[in-house]
N, C-alpha and C. Protein backbone atom coordinates (compact mmCIF):
# COMPACT_ATOMS: atom_id res chain seq x y z
N MET A 1 -144.34 -190.22 7.18
CA MET A 1 -143.61 -189.37 8.01
C MET A 1 -142.77 -188.40 7.07
N ARG A 2 -142.27 -189.10 6.04
CA ARG A 2 -141.33 -188.24 5.19
C ARG A 2 -142.33 -186.95 4.50
N GLU A 3 -143.51 -187.30 4.10
CA GLU A 3 -144.29 -186.38 3.53
C GLU A 3 -144.48 -185.11 4.50
N PHE A 4 -144.72 -185.56 5.79
CA PHE A 4 -144.90 -184.55 7.05
C PHE A 4 -143.61 -183.57 7.26
N TRP A 5 -142.57 -184.34 7.37
CA TRP A 5 -141.31 -183.61 7.66
C TRP A 5 -140.87 -182.86 6.23
N GLY A 6 -141.38 -183.25 5.14
CA GLY A 6 -141.03 -182.46 3.91
C GLY A 6 -141.83 -181.27 3.97
N LYS A 7 -143.00 -181.25 4.58
CA LYS A 7 -143.82 -179.90 4.60
C LYS A 7 -143.35 -179.12 6.05
N TYR A 8 -142.89 -179.86 7.03
CA TYR A 8 -142.20 -179.27 8.17
C TYR A 8 -140.99 -179.66 8.50
N PRO A 9 -139.98 -179.20 8.04
CA PRO A 9 -138.49 -179.77 8.21
C PRO A 9 -138.12 -179.81 9.49
N ASP A 10 -138.51 -178.93 10.25
CA ASP A 10 -137.97 -178.76 11.67
C ASP A 10 -138.30 -180.00 12.55
N SER A 11 -139.20 -180.85 12.11
CA SER A 11 -139.91 -182.01 12.76
C SER A 11 -139.03 -183.24 12.21
N GLU A 12 -138.34 -183.26 11.15
CA GLU A 12 -137.53 -184.45 10.85
C GLU A 12 -136.74 -185.29 11.90
N GLN A 13 -135.94 -184.51 12.45
CA GLN A 13 -135.13 -185.26 13.24
C GLN A 13 -135.81 -185.68 14.46
N TYR A 14 -136.87 -185.15 14.99
CA TYR A 14 -137.72 -185.48 16.04
C TYR A 14 -138.37 -186.74 15.84
N LEU A 15 -138.80 -186.63 14.76
CA LEU A 15 -139.66 -187.85 14.19
C LEU A 15 -138.63 -189.16 13.86
N LYS A 16 -137.62 -189.01 13.33
CA LYS A 16 -136.76 -189.99 13.04
C LYS A 16 -136.25 -190.64 14.58
N THR A 17 -136.11 -189.74 15.43
CA THR A 17 -135.59 -190.25 16.76
C THR A 17 -136.69 -191.05 17.54
N TRP A 18 -137.95 -190.55 17.53
CA TRP A 18 -139.10 -191.22 17.87
C TRP A 18 -139.25 -192.38 17.38
N TYR A 19 -139.14 -192.52 16.08
CA TYR A 19 -139.23 -193.63 15.16
C TYR A 19 -138.32 -194.85 15.61
N ASP A 20 -136.95 -194.51 15.75
CA ASP A 20 -135.91 -195.47 16.11
C ASP A 20 -136.35 -195.82 17.54
N THR A 21 -136.69 -194.87 18.35
CA THR A 21 -136.76 -195.42 20.08
C THR A 21 -138.07 -196.37 19.88
N ALA A 22 -139.04 -196.07 19.13
CA ALA A 22 -140.27 -196.84 19.08
C ALA A 22 -140.07 -198.41 18.68
N ILE A 23 -139.05 -198.38 17.46
CA ILE A 23 -139.07 -199.68 16.93
C ILE A 23 -138.11 -200.33 17.94
N ASN A 24 -137.10 -199.88 18.56
CA ASN A 24 -136.12 -200.64 19.27
C ASN A 24 -136.27 -200.60 20.77
N THR A 25 -137.44 -200.39 21.26
CA THR A 25 -137.97 -200.42 22.63
C THR A 25 -138.92 -201.45 22.85
N ASP A 26 -138.96 -202.08 23.70
CA ASP A 26 -139.94 -203.07 24.16
C ASP A 26 -140.83 -202.65 25.48
N TRP A 27 -141.66 -201.62 25.11
CA TRP A 27 -142.59 -201.09 26.18
C TRP A 27 -143.63 -202.04 26.59
N LYS A 28 -143.73 -202.35 27.69
CA LYS A 28 -144.67 -203.37 28.20
C LYS A 28 -145.86 -202.80 28.94
N THR A 29 -145.70 -201.49 29.46
CA THR A 29 -146.73 -200.80 30.24
C THR A 29 -146.63 -199.37 29.81
N PRO A 30 -147.74 -198.62 30.00
CA PRO A 30 -147.99 -197.06 29.78
C PRO A 30 -146.72 -196.50 30.62
N ARG A 31 -146.52 -196.95 31.79
CA ARG A 31 -145.45 -196.28 32.62
C ARG A 31 -144.23 -196.45 31.72
N ASP A 32 -143.80 -197.62 31.24
CA ASP A 32 -142.47 -197.60 30.54
C ASP A 32 -142.28 -196.50 29.44
N VAL A 33 -143.65 -196.38 28.64
CA VAL A 33 -143.54 -195.39 27.72
C VAL A 33 -143.38 -193.83 28.19
N LYS A 34 -144.06 -193.65 29.30
CA LYS A 34 -143.69 -192.41 30.10
C LYS A 34 -142.41 -192.12 30.63
N GLN A 35 -141.62 -193.28 30.64
CA GLN A 35 -140.25 -193.03 31.16
C GLN A 35 -139.46 -192.87 30.02
N SER A 36 -139.95 -192.99 28.69
CA SER A 36 -138.98 -192.46 27.47
C SER A 36 -139.67 -191.23 27.21
N TYR A 37 -140.90 -190.95 27.19
CA TYR A 37 -141.41 -189.83 26.63
C TYR A 37 -142.51 -189.37 27.73
N ALA A 38 -141.91 -188.46 28.65
CA ALA A 38 -142.65 -187.84 29.61
C ALA A 38 -144.10 -187.14 29.29
N ASN A 39 -143.88 -186.66 28.07
CA ASN A 39 -145.11 -185.81 27.64
C ASN A 39 -146.18 -186.52 26.89
N THR A 40 -146.15 -187.85 26.91
CA THR A 40 -146.79 -188.87 26.35
C THR A 40 -148.12 -188.70 27.07
N SER A 41 -149.33 -188.72 26.17
CA SER A 41 -150.57 -188.90 26.82
C SER A 41 -151.21 -190.26 26.59
N ILE A 42 -151.72 -190.74 27.80
CA ILE A 42 -152.19 -192.28 27.69
C ILE A 42 -153.79 -192.11 27.70
N LEU A 43 -154.34 -192.80 26.64
CA LEU A 43 -155.67 -192.66 26.36
C LEU A 43 -156.35 -193.98 26.77
N LYS A 44 -157.63 -194.22 26.52
CA LYS A 44 -158.48 -195.31 26.73
C LYS A 44 -158.08 -196.26 25.75
N ASP A 45 -158.28 -197.67 25.88
CA ASP A 45 -158.21 -198.68 24.88
C ASP A 45 -156.82 -198.85 24.44
N SER A 46 -155.85 -198.62 25.32
CA SER A 46 -154.46 -198.80 25.08
C SER A 46 -153.88 -197.77 24.07
N ARG A 47 -154.30 -196.80 23.83
CA ARG A 47 -153.92 -195.93 22.80
C ARG A 47 -153.01 -194.77 23.42
N ILE A 48 -152.03 -194.38 22.73
CA ILE A 48 -150.97 -193.37 23.32
C ILE A 48 -150.84 -192.18 22.29
N VAL A 49 -150.78 -190.88 22.68
CA VAL A 49 -150.43 -189.81 21.87
C VAL A 49 -149.03 -189.42 22.40
N PHE A 50 -148.22 -189.37 21.39
CA PHE A 50 -146.73 -189.06 21.64
C PHE A 50 -146.65 -187.47 21.09
N ASN A 51 -146.37 -186.64 22.15
CA ASN A 51 -146.35 -185.42 21.96
C ASN A 51 -144.67 -185.10 21.52
N ILE A 52 -144.34 -185.24 20.24
CA ILE A 52 -143.00 -185.29 19.95
C ILE A 52 -142.50 -183.87 19.76
N LYS A 53 -143.10 -182.97 19.05
CA LYS A 53 -142.60 -181.74 18.67
C LYS A 53 -143.63 -180.57 18.41
N LYS A 54 -143.58 -179.61 19.11
CA LYS A 54 -144.73 -178.58 18.72
C LYS A 54 -144.14 -177.74 17.37
N ILE A 55 -144.76 -177.78 16.37
CA ILE A 55 -144.44 -176.95 15.17
C ILE A 55 -145.63 -176.11 14.84
N PRO A 56 -145.26 -174.85 14.43
CA PRO A 56 -146.24 -174.02 13.86
C PRO A 56 -146.98 -174.78 12.46
N ILE A 57 -148.28 -174.79 12.55
CA ILE A 57 -149.05 -175.49 11.33
C ILE A 57 -149.78 -174.15 10.73
N ASP A 58 -149.52 -173.97 9.36
CA ASP A 58 -150.09 -172.97 8.46
C ASP A 58 -151.59 -173.10 8.47
């Protein structure tokens, strides 16, 4: 993550907040995750895409 926010500094605080939340939260179901991150995409096979922050990519 540090490498990513080194290239895209606007993402740093968003990623740090997401990481802190993910480490300190005991999500049991996809619904629990959606309550924390409404823009989360729930995929097959228990995979989740966190839409943390849109940033322009060169």
